[in-house]
Amino acid sequence: MLQQIAFIPQHQFHVLINFKGDERIIAVLPNEAGRFRVVDQGKVIAEVNFNQEQDFVCCQGKLEANIMTQLEHQIKNHYA
């Protein structure tokens, strides 16, 4: 049986993302497996992950390429 790893609200951080001219602060909730839940205005809009090759991929939901690029940059900066 697979063990589900929970997202940790206490470790969340916030990033500023430009959604086609509309800048908003979104919350990013990490889990211990390296997956990130992306929350915008109280709604989960995606879950993203870094795969084995350290490529940033969207696992659930659909984000535009420019948003994914910004989000990847912000997450890497947060952990740098």
C-alpha atoms as a PDB file:
ATOM      1  CA  MET A   1       0.000   0.000   0.000  1.00  0.00           C
ATOM      2  CA  LEU A   2       1.305   3.432  -0.917  1.00  0.00           C
ATOM      3  CA  GLN A   3       1.673   5.976   1.828  1.00  0.00           C
ATOM      4  CA  GLN A   4       0.306   9.390   0.959  1.00  0.00           C
ATOM      5  CA  ILE A   5       2.526  12.270   2.008  1.00  0.00           C
ATOM      6  CA  ALA A   6       0.607  15.285   3.243  1.00  0.00           C
ATOM      7  CA  PHE A   7       1.233  18.875   2.272  1.00  0.00           C
ATOM      8  CA  ILE A   8       2.546  20.944   5.154  1.00  0.00           C
ATOM      9  CA  PRO A   9       0.686  24.253   5.650  1.00  0.00           C
ATOM     10  CA  GLN A  10       3.251  25.359   8.256  1.00  0.00           C
ATOM     11  CA  HIS A  11       5.958  25.330   5.552  1.00  0.00           C
ATOM     12  CA  GLN A  12       4.004  27.258   2.952  1.00  0.00           C
ATOM     13  CA  PHE A  13       5.485  30.309   1.300  1.00  0.00           C
ATOM     14  CA  HIS A  14       4.073  32.972  -0.976  1.00  0.00           C
ATOM     15  CA  VAL A  15       5.239  34.121  -4.398  1.00  0.00           C
ATOM     16  CA  LEU A  16       4.245  36.930  -6.731  1.00  0.00           C
ATOM     17  CA  ILE A  17       3.153  35.672 -10.164  1.00  0.00           C
ATOM     18  CA  ASN A  18       2.148  37.725 -13.200  1.00  0.00           C
ATOM     19  CA  PHE A  19      -1.049  36.274 -14.732  1.00  0.00           C
ATOM     20  CA  LYS A  20      -1.132  38.205 -18.055  1.00  0.00           C
ATOM     21  CA  GLY A  21      -0.849  41.660 -16.533  1.00  0.00           C
ATOM     22  CA  ASP A  22      -2.616  40.763 -13.278  1.00  0.00           C
ATOM     23  CA  GLU A  23      -0.023  40.219 -10.551  1.00  0.00           C
ATOM     24  CA  ARG A  24      -1.208  38.089  -7.648  1.00  0.00           C
ATOM     25  CA  ILE A  25       0.381  36.512  -4.634  1.00  0.00           C
ATOM     26  CA  ILE A  26      -0.130  32.756  -4.554  1.00  0.00           C
ATOM     27  CA  ALA A  27       0.622  30.251  -1.815  1.00  0.00           C
ATOM     28  CA  VAL A  28       2.902  27.272  -2.390  1.00  0.00           C
ATOM     29  CA  LEU A  29       2.563  24.316  -0.016  1.00  0.00           C
ATOM     30  CA  PRO A  30       5.396  21.763  -0.167  1.00  0.00           C
ATOM     31  CA  ASN A  31       5.368  18.154   0.940  1.00  0.00           C
ATOM     32  CA  GLU A  32       8.293  15.968   1.903  1.00  0.00           C
ATOM     33  CA  ALA A  33       8.295  14.169  -1.454  1.00  0.00           C
ATOM     34  CA  GLY A  34       9.143  17.313  -3.445  1.00  0.00           C
ATOM     35  CA  ARG A  35       5.673  18.049  -4.742  1.00  0.00           C
ATOM     36  CA  PHE A  36       4.158  21.516  -4.432  1.00  0.00           C
ATOM     37  CA  ARG A  37       0.486  22.453  -4.211  1.00  0.00           C
ATOM     38  CA  VAL A  38      -0.234  25.860  -5.771  1.00  0.00           C
ATOM     39  CA  VAL A  39      -3.130  27.818  -4.236  1.00  0.00           C
ATOM     40  CA  ASP A  40      -4.558  31.010  -5.751  1.00  0.00           C
ATOM     41  CA  GLN A  41      -7.242  32.909  -3.842  1.00  0.00           C
ATOM     42  CA  GLY A  42      -8.191  29.866  -1.768  1.00  0.00           C
ATOM     43  CA  LYS A  43      -8.436  27.446  -4.724  1.00  0.00           C
ATOM     44  CA  VAL A  44      -5.903  24.757  -5.590  1.00  0.00           C
ATOM     45  CA  ILE A  45      -4.921  25.530  -9.189  1.00  0.00           C
ATOM     46  CA  ALA A  46      -2.178  22.931  -9.668  1.00  0.00           C
ATOM     47  CA  GLU A  47       0.269  20.491  -8.190  1.00  0.00           C
ATOM     48  CA  VAL A  48       3.788  20.578  -9.561  1.00  0.00           C
ATOM     49  CA  ASN A  49       6.843  18.410  -9.097  1.00  0.00           C
ATOM     50  CA  PHE A  50      10.514  18.272  -9.979  1.00  0.00           C
ATOM     51  CA  ASN A  51      11.121  14.947 -11.750  1.00  0.00           C
ATOM     52  CA  GLN A  52      14.320  12.873 -11.637  1.00  0.00           C
ATOM     53  CA  GLU A  53      16.053  15.101 -14.215  1.00  0.00           C
ATOM     54  CA  GLN A  54      15.081  18.174 -12.136  1.00  0.00           C
ATOM     55  CA  ASP A  55      12.579  19.236 -14.780  1.00  0.00           C
ATOM     56  CA  PHE A  56       9.626  21.159 -13.422  1.00  0.00           C
ATOM     57  CA  VAL A  57       6.389  19.406 -14.408  1.00  0.00           C
ATOM     58  CA  CYS A  58       2.717  19.985 -13.708  1.00  0.00           C
ATOM     59  CA  CYS A  59       1.169  16.837 -12.220  1.00  0.00           C
ATOM     60  CA  GLN A  60      -2.383  18.056 -11.747  1.00  0.00           C
ATOM     61  CA  GLY A  61      -4.115  21.093 -13.156  1.00  0.00           C
ATOM     62  CA  LYS A  62      -2.941  23.112 -16.110  1.00  0.00           C
ATOM     63  CA  LEU A  63      -0.764  26.206 -15.945  1.00  0.00           C
ATOM     64  CA  GLU A  64       0.410  28.274 -18.881  1.00  0.00           C
ATOM     65  CA  ALA A  65       4.086  28.058 -19.821  1.00  0.00           C
ATOM     66  CA  ASN A  66       4.905  31.585 -18.615  1.00  0.00           C
ATOM     67  CA  ILE A  67       3.322  30.898 -15.218  1.00  0.00           C
ATOM     68  CA  MET A  68       5.201  27.597 -14.916  1.00  0.00           C
ATOM     69  CA  THR A  69       8.470  29.401 -15.694  1.00  0.00           C
ATOM     70  CA  GLN A  70       7.824  32.056 -13.064  1.00  0.00           C
ATOM     71  CA  LEU A  71       6.767  29.470 -10.510  1.00  0.00           C
ATOM     72  CA  GLU A  72       9.832  27.293 -11.131  1.00  0.00           C
ATOM     73  CA  HIS A  73      12.114  30.320 -10.708  1.00  0.00           C
ATOM     74  CA  GLN A  74      10.373  31.375  -7.465  1.00  0.00           C
ATOM     75  CA  ILE A  75      10.499  27.870  -5.928  1.00  0.00           C
ATOM     76  CA  LYS A  76      14.180  27.446  -6.781  1.00  0.00           C
ATOM     77  CA  ASN A  77      14.943  30.878  -5.295  1.00  0.00           C
ATOM     78  CA  HIS A  78      13.041  30.008  -2.137  1.00  0.00           C
ATOM     79  CA  TYR A  79      15.196  26.952  -1.526  1.00  0.00           C
ATOM     80  CA  ALA A  80      18.498  28.501  -2.662  1.00  0.00           C
END
